[in-house]
Amino acid sequence: MSVADDTATNSSGALDRVVAWYRRRLGWLFRRAPLAAAVIALALVGLGISIYLTVDHYQHVEPVCIVGSVFDCVKVTSSAYSVLPGTSIPITIPGMLWFI
């Protein structure tokens, strides 16, 4: 067994332990209220996207998407509608509050 194999085994073992911990703690939610679990999962996805776009806004980095396609992320994130009116606060911050 090489060092790389040992590292891969340890990291997958750690991941298995984390997944098992969450299953023990949140398993009841997924069994008893699948709709609530889906809403929580979607809220976490939305929160992650909002955080990503907020970081991009303050670092002045273009978001990762296909530029010039049907959906132009750069045009959307740099438009006047991407900030709260009259401020330089990105609209993603209220979005984060919504998902929380």
PDB file of N, CA and C in Angstrom:
ATOM      1  N   MET A   1       0.854  -1.177   0.000  1.00  0.00           N
ATOM      2  CA  MET A   1       0.000   0.000   0.000  1.00  0.00           C
ATOM      3  C   MET A   1       0.894   1.232   0.000  1.00  0.00           C
ATOM      4  N   SER A   2       0.600   2.154  -0.889  1.00  0.00           N
ATOM      5  CA  SER A   2       1.395   3.369  -0.978  1.00  0.00           C
ATOM      6  C   SER A   2       0.804   4.444  -0.070  1.00  0.00           C
ATOM      7  N   VAL A   3       1.512   5.555   0.051  1.00  0.00           N
ATOM      8  CA  VAL A   3       1.048   6.670   0.865  1.00  0.00           C
ATOM      9  C   VAL A   3      -0.231   7.250   0.274  1.00  0.00           C
ATOM     10  N   ALA A   4      -0.309   7.323  -1.061  1.00  0.00           N
ATOM     11  CA  ALA A   4      -1.502   7.852  -1.717  1.00  0.00           C
ATOM     12  C   ALA A   4      -2.711   6.978  -1.418  1.00  0.00           C
ATOM     13  N   ASP A   5      -2.527   5.633  -1.445  1.00  0.00           N
ATOM     14  CA  ASP A   5      -3.631   4.732  -1.134  1.00  0.00           C
ATOM     15  C   ASP A   5      -4.082   4.908   0.305  1.00  0.00           C
ATOM     16  N   ASP A   6      -3.118   5.068   1.223  1.00  0.00           N
ATOM     17  CA  ASP A   6      -3.431   5.252   2.631  1.00  0.00           C
ATOM     18  C   ASP A   6      -4.203   6.550   2.848  1.00  0.00           C
ATOM     19  N   THR A   7      -3.805   7.619   2.158  1.00  0.00           N
ATOM     20  CA  THR A   7      -4.480   8.910   2.287  1.00  0.00           C
ATOM     21  C   THR A   7      -5.905   8.811   1.763  1.00  0.00           C
ATOM     22  N   ALA A   8      -6.083   8.151   0.623  1.00  0.00           N
ATOM     23  CA  ALA A   8      -7.423   7.993   0.054  1.00  0.00           C
ATOM     24  C   ALA A   8      -8.308   7.190   0.995  1.00  0.00           C
ATOM     25  N   THR A   9      -7.764   6.153   1.619  1.00  0.00           N
ATOM     26  CA  THR A   9      -8.534   5.342   2.554  1.00  0.00           C
ATOM     27  C   THR A   9      -8.926   6.160   3.774  1.00  0.00           C
ATOM     28  N   ASN A  10      -7.990   6.938   4.313  1.00  0.00           N
ATOM     29  CA  ASN A  10      -8.284   7.740   5.492  1.00  0.00           C
ATOM     30  C   ASN A  10      -9.329   8.803   5.192  1.00  0.00           C
ATOM     31  N   SER A  11      -9.229   9.479   4.029  1.00  0.00           N
ATOM     32  CA  SER A  11     -10.185  10.534   3.717  1.00  0.00           C
ATOM     33  C   SER A  11     -11.567   9.959   3.464  1.00  0.00           C
ATOM     34  N   SER A  12     -11.665   8.800   2.825  1.00  0.00           N
ATOM     35  CA  SER A  12     -12.982   8.209   2.607  1.00  0.00           C
ATOM     36  C   SER A  12     -13.549   7.688   3.918  1.00  0.00           C
ATOM     37  N   GLY A  13     -12.681   7.212   4.815  1.00  0.00           N
ATOM     38  CA  GLY A  13     -13.139   6.783   6.131  1.00  0.00           C
ATOM     39  C   GLY A  13     -13.685   7.949   6.924  1.00  0.00           C
ATOM     40  N   ALA A  14     -13.025   9.093   6.845  1.00  0.00           N
ATOM     41  CA  ALA A  14     -13.500  10.289   7.541  1.00  0.00           C
ATOM     42  C   ALA A  14     -14.831  10.738   6.960  1.00  0.00           C
ATOM     43  N   LEU A  15     -14.948  10.680   5.638  1.00  0.00           N
ATOM     44  CA  LEU A  15     -16.208  11.059   4.998  1.00  0.00           C
ATOM     45  C   LEU A  15     -17.323  10.119   5.420  1.00  0.00           C
ATOM     46  N   ASP A  16     -17.024   8.828   5.493  1.00  0.00           N
ATOM     47  CA  ASP A  16     -18.024   7.857   5.934  1.00  0.00           C
ATOM     48  C   ASP A  16     -18.483   8.144   7.354  1.00  0.00           C
ATOM     49  N   ARG A  17     -17.542   8.539   8.226  1.00  0.00           N
ATOM     50  CA  ARG A  17     -17.904   8.856   9.612  1.00  0.00           C
ATOM     51  C   ARG A  17     -18.797  10.097   9.674  1.00  0.00           C
ATOM     52  N   VAL A  18     -18.484  11.107   8.845  1.00  0.00           N
ATOM     53  CA  VAL A  18     -19.294  12.329   8.832  1.00  0.00           C
ATOM     54  C   VAL A  18     -20.699  12.027   8.331  1.00  0.00           C
ATOM     55  N   VAL A  19     -20.795  11.271   7.246  1.00  0.00           N
ATOM     56  CA  VAL A  19     -22.110  10.913   6.695  1.00  0.00           C
ATOM     57  C   VAL A  19     -22.904  10.106   7.714  1.00  0.00           C
ATOM     58  N   ALA A  20     -22.246   9.164   8.400  1.00  0.00           N
ATOM     59  CA  ALA A  20     -22.930   8.358   9.412  1.00  0.00           C
ATOM     60  C   ALA A  20     -23.420   9.230  10.559  1.00  0.00           C
ATOM     61  N   TRP A  21     -22.628  10.216  10.960  1.00  0.00           N
ATOM     62  CA  TRP A  21     -23.029  11.121  12.046  1.00  0.00           C
ATOM     63  C   TRP A  21     -24.290  11.890  11.651  1.00  0.00           C
ATOM     64  N   TYR A  22     -24.287  12.429  10.415  1.00  0.00           N
ATOM     65  CA  TYR A  22     -25.462  13.170   9.963  1.00  0.00           C
ATOM     66  C   TYR A  22     -26.686  12.260   9.843  1.00  0.00           C
ATOM     67  N   ARG A  23     -26.490  11.037   9.409  1.00  0.00           N
ATOM     68  CA  ARG A  23     -27.623  10.117   9.306  1.00  0.00           C
ATOM     69  C   ARG A  23     -28.211   9.825  10.683  1.00  0.00           C
ATOM     70  N   ARG A  24     -27.343   9.650  11.675  1.00  0.00           N
ATOM     71  CA  ARG A  24     -27.843   9.396  13.025  1.00  0.00           C
ATOM     72  C   ARG A  24     -28.592  10.601  13.564  1.00  0.00           C
ATOM     73  N   ARG A  25     -28.069  11.792  13.319  1.00  0.00           N
ATOM     74  CA  ARG A  25     -28.669  13.005  13.879  1.00  0.00           C
ATOM     75  C   ARG A  25     -29.904  13.467  13.100  1.00  0.00           C
ATOM     76  N   LEU A  26     -29.879  13.355  11.792  1.00  0.00           N
ATOM     77  CA  LEU A  26     -30.952  13.897  10.962  1.00  0.00           C
ATOM     78  C   LEU A  26     -31.785  12.830  10.265  1.00  0.00           C
ATOM     79  N   GLY A  27     -31.511  11.578  10.546  1.00  0.00           N
ATOM     80  CA  GLY A  27     -32.246  10.501   9.883  1.00  0.00           C
ATOM     81  C   GLY A  27     -33.736  10.576  10.113  1.00  0.00           C
ATOM     82  N   TRP A  28     -34.137  10.952  11.329  1.00  0.00           N
ATOM     83  CA  TRP A  28     -35.562  11.064  11.645  1.00  0.00           C
ATOM     84  C   TRP A  28     -36.244  12.076  10.745  1.00  0.00           C
ATOM     85  N   LEU A  29     -35.529  13.154  10.419  1.00  0.00           N
ATOM     86  CA  LEU A  29     -36.115  14.192   9.581  1.00  0.00           C
ATOM     87  C   LEU A  29     -36.378  13.658   8.182  1.00  0.00           C
ATOM     88  N   PHE A  30     -35.422  12.924   7.624  1.00  0.00           N
ATOM     89  CA  PHE A  30     -35.573  12.411   6.272  1.00  0.00           C
ATOM     90  C   PHE A  30     -36.626  11.309   6.209  1.00  0.00           C
ATOM     91  N   ARG A  31     -36.821  10.578   7.302  1.00  0.00           N
ATOM     92  CA  ARG A  31     -37.829   9.519   7.317  1.00  0.00           C
ATOM     93  C   ARG A  31     -39.232  10.072   7.548  1.00  0.00           C
ATOM     94  N   ARG A  32     -39.363  11.042   8.437  1.00  0.00           N
ATOM     95  CA  ARG A  32     -40.684  11.506   8.842  1.00  0.00           C
ATOM     96  C   ARG A  32     -41.189  12.698   8.037  1.00  0.00           C
ATOM     97  N   ALA A  33     -40.299  13.505   7.544  1.00  0.00           N
ATOM     98  CA  ALA A  33     -40.720  14.717   6.841  1.00  0.00           C
ATOM     99  C   ALA A  33     -39.860  14.936   5.602  1.00  0.00           C
ATOM    100  N   PRO A  34     -40.069  14.127   4.562  1.00  0.00           N
ATOM    101  CA  PRO A  34     -39.227  14.262   3.377  1.00  0.00           C
ATOM    102  C   PRO A  34     -39.370  15.625   2.700  1.00  0.00           C
ATOM    103  N   LEU A  35     -40.531  16.231   2.773  1.00  0.00           N
ATOM    104  CA  LEU A  35     -40.709  17.552   2.176  1.00  0.00           C
ATOM    105  C   LEU A  35     -39.881  18.592   2.936  1.00  0.00           C
ATOM    106  N   ALA A  36     -39.896  18.525   4.267  1.00  0.00           N
ATOM    107  CA  ALA A  36     -39.087  19.446   5.068  1.00  0.00           C
ATOM    108  C   ALA A  36     -37.608  19.232   4.786  1.00  0.00           C
ATOM    109  N   ALA A  37     -37.193  17.991   4.626  1.00  0.00           N
ATOM    110  CA  ALA A  37     -35.798  17.696   4.321  1.00  0.00           C
ATOM    111  C   ALA A  37     -35.413  18.270   2.962  1.00  0.00           C
ATOM    112  N   ALA A  38     -36.313  18.185   1.993  1.00  0.00           N
ATOM    113  CA  ALA A  38     -36.040  18.742   0.665  1.00  0.00           C
ATOM    114  C   ALA A  38     -35.933  20.258   0.729  1.00  0.00           C
ATOM    115  N   VAL A  39     -36.798  20.892   1.513  1.00  0.00           N
ATOM    116  CA  VAL A  39     -36.750  22.350   1.660  1.00  0.00           C
ATOM    117  C   VAL A  39     -35.435  22.770   2.313  1.00  0.00           C
ATOM    118  N   ILE A  40     -35.010  22.041   3.343  1.00  0.00           N
ATOM    119  CA  ILE A  40     -33.742  22.352   4.007  1.00  0.00           C
ATOM    120  C   ILE A  40     -32.579  22.183   3.037  1.00  0.00           C
ATOM    121  N   ALA A  41     -32.601  21.107   2.263  1.00  0.00           N
ATOM    122  CA  ALA A  41     -31.520  20.866   1.296  1.00  0.00           C
ATOM    123  C   ALA A  41     -31.469  21.978   0.250  1.00  0.00           C
ATOM    124  N   LEU A  42     -32.606  22.388  -0.265  1.00  0.00           N
ATOM    125  CA  LEU A  42     -32.639  23.466  -1.258  1.00  0.00           C
ATOM    126  C   LEU A  42     -32.212  24.797  -0.646  1.00  0.00           C
ATOM    127  N   ALA A  43     -32.586  25.038   0.600  1.00  0.00           N
ATOM    128  CA  ALA A  43     -32.166  26.267   1.277  1.00  0.00           C
ATOM    129  C   ALA A  43     -30.651  26.292   1.440  1.00  0.00           C
ATOM    130  N   LEU A  44     -30.052  25.144   1.757  1.00  0.00           N
ATOM    131  CA  LEU A  44     -28.592  25.085   1.879  1.00  0.00           C
ATOM    132  C   LEU A  44     -27.909  25.336   0.539  1.00  0.00           C
ATOM    133  N   VAL A  45     -28.490  24.812  -0.538  1.00  0.00           N
ATOM    134  CA  VAL A  45     -27.942  25.069  -1.873  1.00  0.00           C
ATOM    135  C   VAL A  45     -28.045  26.556  -2.200  1.00  0.00           C
ATOM    136  N   GLY A  46     -29.200  27.144  -1.945  1.00  0.00           N
ATOM    137  CA  GLY A  46     -29.385  28.579  -2.196  1.00  0.00           C
ATOM    138  C   GLY A  46     -28.445  29.433  -1.364  1.00  0.00           C
ATOM    139  N   LEU A  47     -28.248  29.048  -0.104  1.00  0.00           N
ATOM    140  CA  LEU A  47     -27.330  29.775   0.766  1.00  0.00           C
ATOM    141  C   LEU A  47     -25.904  29.691   0.228  1.00  0.00           C
ATOM    142  N   GLY A  48     -25.514  28.514  -0.231  1.00  0.00           N
ATOM    143  CA  GLY A  48     -24.172  28.351  -0.801  1.00  0.00           C
ATOM    144  C   GLY A  48     -23.969  29.203  -2.036  1.00  0.00           C
ATOM    145  N   ILE A  49     -24.954  29.240  -2.909  1.00  0.00           N
ATOM    146  CA  ILE A  49     -24.855  30.061  -4.120  1.00  0.00           C
ATOM    147  C   ILE A  49     -24.801  31.540  -3.756  1.00  0.00           C
ATOM    148  N   SER A  50     -25.605  31.959  -2.788  1.00  0.00           N
ATOM    149  CA  SER A  50     -25.593  33.366  -2.363  1.00  0.00           C
ATOM    150  C   SER A  50     -24.245  33.756  -1.788  1.00  0.00           C
ATOM    151  N   ILE A  51     -23.664  32.879  -0.991  1.00  0.00           N
ATOM    152  CA  ILE A  51     -22.338  33.158  -0.425  1.00  0.00           C
ATOM    153  C   ILE A  51     -21.311  33.264  -1.536  1.00  0.00           C
ATOM    154  N   TYR A  52     -21.361  32.337  -2.491  1.00  0.00           N
ATOM    155  CA  TYR A  52     -20.417  32.357  -3.608  1.00  0.00           C
ATOM    156  C   TYR A  52     -20.521  33.665  -4.399  1.00  0.00           C
ATOM    157  N   LEU A  53     -21.737  34.091  -4.715  1.00  0.00           N
ATOM    158  CA  LEU A  53     -21.916  35.319  -5.493  1.00  0.00           C
ATOM    159  C   LEU A  53     -21.529  36.561  -4.692  1.00  0.00           C
ATOM    160  N   THR A  54     -21.732  36.545  -3.385  1.00  0.00           N
ATOM    161  CA  THR A  54     -21.317  37.675  -2.551  1.00  0.00           C
ATOM    162  C   THR A  54     -19.802  37.792  -2.529  1.00  0.00           C
ATOM    163  N   VAL A  55     -19.119  36.673  -2.383  1.00  0.00           N
ATOM    164  CA  VAL A  55     -17.641  36.683  -2.402  1.00  0.00           C
ATOM    165  C   VAL A  55     -17.137  37.178  -3.752  1.00  0.00           C
ATOM    166  N   ASP A  56     -17.746  36.705  -4.835  1.00  0.00           N
ATOM    167  CA  ASP A  56     -17.365  37.174  -6.175  1.00  0.00           C
ATOM    168  C   ASP A  56     -17.567  38.681  -6.315  1.00  0.00           C
ATOM    169  N   HIS A  57     -18.652  39.188  -5.753  1.00  0.00           N
ATOM    170  CA  HIS A  57     -18.947  40.620  -5.844  1.00  0.00           C
ATOM    171  C   HIS A  57     -17.857  41.442  -5.162  1.00  0.00           C
ATOM    172  N   TYR A  58     -17.485  41.059  -3.951  1.00  0.00           N
ATOM    173  CA  TYR A  58     -16.510  41.849  -3.202  1.00  0.00           C
ATOM    174  C   TYR A  58     -15.079  41.646  -3.671  1.00  0.00           C
ATOM    175  N   GLN A  59     -14.794  40.520  -4.317  1.00  0.00           N
ATOM    176  CA  GLN A  59     -13.453  40.298  -4.870  1.00  0.00           C
ATOM    177  C   GLN A  59     -13.348  40.794  -6.304  1.00  0.00           C
ATOM    178  N   HIS A  60     -14.447  41.287  -6.856  1.00  0.00           N
ATOM    179  CA  HIS A  60     -14.499  41.772  -8.242  1.00  0.00           C
ATOM    180  C   HIS A  60     -14.029  40.704  -9.216  1.00  0.00           C
ATOM    181  N   VAL A  61     -14.556  39.494  -9.027  1.00  0.00           N
ATOM    182  CA  VAL A  61     -14.237  38.345  -9.865  1.00  0.00           C
ATOM    183  C   VAL A  61     -15.492  37.985 -10.649  1.00  0.00           C
ATOM    184  N   GLU A  62     -15.312  37.592 -11.897  1.00  0.00           N
ATOM    185  CA  GLU A  62     -16.452  37.156 -12.693  1.00  0.00           C
ATOM    186  C   GLU A  62     -16.884  35.766 -12.236  1.00  0.00           C
ATOM    187  N   PRO A  63     -18.190  35.523 -12.153  1.00  0.00           N
ATOM    188  CA  PRO A  63     -18.665  34.207 -11.724  1.00  0.00           C
ATOM    189  C   PRO A  63     -18.329  33.128 -12.744  1.00  0.00           C
ATOM    190  N   VAL A  64     -18.284  31.912 -12.264  1.00  0.00           N
ATOM    191  CA  VAL A  64     -17.977  30.778 -13.130  1.00  0.00           C
ATOM    192  C   VAL A  64     -19.255  30.390 -13.871  1.00  0.00           C
ATOM    193  N   CYS A  65     -19.304  30.705 -15.123  1.00  0.00           N
ATOM    194  CA  CYS A  65     -20.400  30.302 -16.003  1.00  0.00           C
ATOM    195  C   CYS A  65     -19.936  30.543 -17.434  1.00  0.00           C
ATOM    196  N   ILE A  66     -20.723  30.085 -18.354  1.00  0.00           N
ATOM    197  CA  ILE A  66     -20.370  30.248 -19.756  1.00  0.00           C
ATOM    198  C   ILE A  66     -20.746  31.664 -20.176  1.00  0.00           C
ATOM    199  N   VAL A  67     -19.751  32.483 -20.441  1.00  0.00           N
ATOM    200  CA  VAL A  67     -19.983  33.876 -20.811  1.00  0.00           C
ATOM    201  C   VAL A  67     -20.428  33.935 -22.265  1.00  0.00           C
ATOM    202  N   GLY A  68     -21.470  34.703 -22.522  1.00  0.00           N
ATOM    203  CA  GLY A  68     -21.952  34.866 -23.883  1.00  0.00           C
ATOM    204  C   GLY A  68     -22.983  33.835 -24.286  1.00  0.00           C
ATOM    205  N   SER A  69     -23.365  32.959 -23.360  1.00  0.00           N
ATOM    206  CA  SER A  69     -24.391  31.978 -23.693  1.00  0.00           C
ATOM    207  C   SER A  69     -25.762  32.630 -23.550  1.00  0.00           C
ATOM    208  N   VAL A  70     -26.789  31.836 -23.546  1.00  0.00           N
ATOM    209  CA  VAL A  70     -28.146  32.356 -23.403  1.00  0.00           C
ATOM    210  C   VAL A  70     -28.275  33.113 -22.080  1.00  0.00           C
ATOM    211  N   PHE A  71     -27.644  32.587 -21.030  1.00  0.00           N
ATOM    212  CA  PHE A  71     -27.628  33.238 -19.722  1.00  0.00           C
ATOM    213  C   PHE A  71     -26.238  33.820 -19.508  1.00  0.00           C
ATOM    214  N   ASP A  72     -26.113  35.122 -19.529  1.00  0.00           N
ATOM    215  CA  ASP A  72     -24.822  35.776 -19.358  1.00  0.00           C
ATOM    216  C   ASP A  72     -24.672  36.202 -17.896  1.00  0.00           C
ATOM    217  N   CYS A  73     -23.939  35.420 -17.117  1.00  0.00           N
ATOM    218  CA  CYS A  73     -23.793  35.681 -15.687  1.00  0.00           C
ATOM    219  C   CYS A  73     -23.133  37.026 -15.411  1.00  0.00           C
ATOM    220  N   VAL A  74     -22.158  37.398 -16.212  1.00  0.00           N
ATOM    221  CA  VAL A  74     -21.456  38.660 -15.986  1.00  0.00           C
ATOM    222  C   VAL A  74     -22.412  39.833 -16.159  1.00  0.00           C
ATOM    223  N   LYS A  75     -23.264  39.764 -17.181  1.00  0.00           N
ATOM    224  CA  LYS A  75     -24.225  40.848 -17.408  1.00  0.00           C
ATOM    225  C   LYS A  75     -25.205  40.951 -16.240  1.00  0.00           C
ATOM    226  N   VAL A  76     -25.615  39.818 -15.713  1.00  0.00           N
ATOM    227  CA  VAL A  76     -26.572  39.814 -14.608  1.00  0.00           C
ATOM    228  C   VAL A  76     -25.930  40.332 -13.324  1.00  0.00           C
ATOM    229  N   THR A  77     -24.725  39.850 -13.001  1.00  0.00           N
ATOM    230  CA  THR A  77     -24.104  40.232 -11.735  1.00  0.00           C
ATOM    231  C   THR A  77     -23.508  41.636 -11.755  1.00  0.00           C
ATOM    232  N   SER A  78     -23.403  42.244 -12.929  1.00  0.00           N
ATOM    233  CA  SER A  78     -22.872  43.608 -12.990  1.00  0.00           C
ATOM    234  C   SER A  78     -23.950  44.634 -13.349  1.00  0.00           C
ATOM    235  N   SER A  79     -25.196  44.207 -13.407  1.00  0.00           N
ATOM    236  CA  SER A  79     -26.269  45.143 -13.759  1.00  0.00           C
ATOM    237  C   SER A  79     -26.656  45.992 -12.552  1.00  0.00           C
ATOM    238  N   ALA A  80     -27.461  47.005 -12.805  1.00  0.00           N
ATOM    239  CA  ALA A  80     -27.937  47.888 -11.730  1.00  0.00           C
ATOM    240  C   ALA A  80     -28.842  47.133 -10.761  1.00  0.00           C
ATOM    241  N   TYR A  81     -29.435  46.033 -11.209  1.00  0.00           N
ATOM    242  CA  TYR A  81     -30.343  45.259 -10.369  1.00  0.00           C
ATOM    243  C   TYR A  81     -29.609  44.265  -9.466  1.00  0.00           C
ATOM    244  N   SER A  82     -28.286  44.175  -9.564  1.00  0.00           N
ATOM    245  CA  SER A  82     -27.534  43.230  -8.746  1.00  0.00           C
ATOM    246  C   SER A  82     -27.151  43.800  -7.389  1.00  0.00           C
ATOM    247  N   VAL A  83     -27.496  45.061  -7.133  1.00  0.00           N
ATOM    248  CA  VAL A  83     -27.235  45.687  -5.831  1.00  0.00           C
ATOM    249  C   VAL A  83     -28.533  46.284  -5.296  1.00  0.00           C
ATOM    250  N   LEU A  84     -28.568  46.473  -3.979  1.00  0.00           N
ATOM    251  CA  LEU A  84     -29.732  47.135  -3.391  1.00  0.00           C
ATOM    252  C   LEU A  84     -29.797  48.562  -3.908  1.00  0.00           C
ATOM    253  N   PRO A  85     -30.965  49.061  -4.256  1.00  0.00           N
ATOM    254  CA  PRO A  85     -31.087  50.408  -4.828  1.00  0.00           C
ATOM    255  C   PRO A  85     -30.446  51.477  -3.934  1.00  0.00           C
ATOM    256  N   GLY A  86     -29.604  52.288  -4.542  1.00  0.00           N
ATOM    257  CA  GLY A  86     -28.959  53.385  -3.848  1.00  0.00           C
ATOM    258  C   GLY A  86     -27.754  52.999  -3.002  1.00  0.00           C
ATOM    259  N   THR A  87     -27.344  51.733  -3.074  1.00  0.00           N
ATOM    260  CA  THR A  87     -26.199  51.273  -2.289  1.00  0.00           C
ATOM    261  C   THR A  87     -25.260  50.468  -3.179  1.00  0.00           C
ATOM    262  N   SER A  88     -24.184  49.990  -2.583  1.00  0.00           N
ATOM    263  CA  SER A  88     -23.306  49.061  -3.294  1.00  0.00           C
ATOM    264  C   SER A  88     -23.390  47.667  -2.670  1.00  0.00           C
ATOM    265  N   ILE A  89     -24.429  47.428  -1.879  1.00  0.00           N
ATOM    266  CA  ILE A  89     -24.624  46.129  -1.220  1.00  0.00           C
ATOM    267  C   ILE A  89     -25.233  45.162  -2.229  1.00  0.00           C
ATOM    268  N   PRO A  90     -24.586  44.026  -2.443  1.00  0.00           N
ATOM    269  CA  PRO A  90     -25.134  43.079  -3.430  1.00  0.00           C
ATOM    270  C   PRO A  90     -26.466  42.497  -2.959  1.00  0.00           C
ATOM    271  N   ILE A  91     -27.327  42.243  -3.911  1.00  0.00           N
ATOM    272  CA  ILE A  91     -28.654  41.713  -3.622  1.00  0.00           C
ATOM    273  C   ILE A  91     -28.568  40.300  -3.043  1.00  0.00           C
ATOM    274  N   THR A  92     -27.405  39.686  -3.130  1.00  0.00           N
ATOM    275  CA  THR A  92     -27.239  38.341  -2.598  1.00  0.00           C
ATOM    276  C   THR A  92     -27.233  38.315  -1.071  1.00  0.00           C
ATOM    277  N   ILE A  93     -26.951  39.442  -0.432  1.00  0.00           N
ATOM    278  CA  ILE A  93     -26.965  39.462   1.038  1.00  0.00           C
ATOM    279  C   ILE A  93     -28.392  39.294   1.570  1.00  0.00           C
ATOM    280  N   PRO A  94     -29.383  40.033   1.064  1.00  0.00           N
ATOM    281  CA  PRO A  94     -30.755  39.708   1.483  1.00  0.00           C
ATOM    282  C   PRO A  94     -31.152  38.282   1.070  1.00  0.00           C
ATOM    283  N   GLY A  95     -30.592  37.812  -0.027  1.00  0.00           N
ATOM    284  CA  GLY A  95     -30.847  36.434  -0.444  1.00  0.00           C
ATOM    285  C   GLY A  95     -30.343  35.442   0.591  1.00  0.00           C
ATOM    286  N   MET A  96     -29.169  35.704   1.152  1.00  0.00           N
ATOM    287  CA  MET A  96     -28.635  34.840   2.207  1.00  0.00           C
ATOM    288  C   MET A  96     -29.575  34.827   3.410  1.00  0.00           C
ATOM    289  N   LEU A  97     -30.060  35.983   3.778  1.00  0.00           N
ATOM    290  CA  LEU A  97     -30.995  36.059   4.912  1.00  0.00           C
ATOM    291  C   LEU A  97     -32.271  35.270   4.632  1.00  0.00           C
ATOM    292  N   TRP A  98     -32.741  35.337   3.393  1.00  0.00           N
ATOM    293  CA  TRP A  98     -33.938  34.588   3.001  1.00  0.00           C
ATOM    294  C   TRP A  98     -33.702  33.094   3.152  1.00  0.00           C
ATOM    295  N   PHE A  99     -32.565  32.603   2.686  1.00  0.00           N
ATOM    296  CA  PHE A  99     -32.303  31.163   2.760  1.00  0.00           C
ATOM    297  C   PHE A  99     -32.064  30.691   4.182  1.00  0.00           C
ATOM    298  N   ILE A 100     -31.527  31.576   5.030  1.00  0.00           N
ATOM    299  CA  ILE A 100     -31.329  31.213   6.443  1.00  0.00           C
ATOM    300  C   ILE A 100     -32.686  31.095   7.106  1.00  0.00           C
TER     301      ILE A 100
END
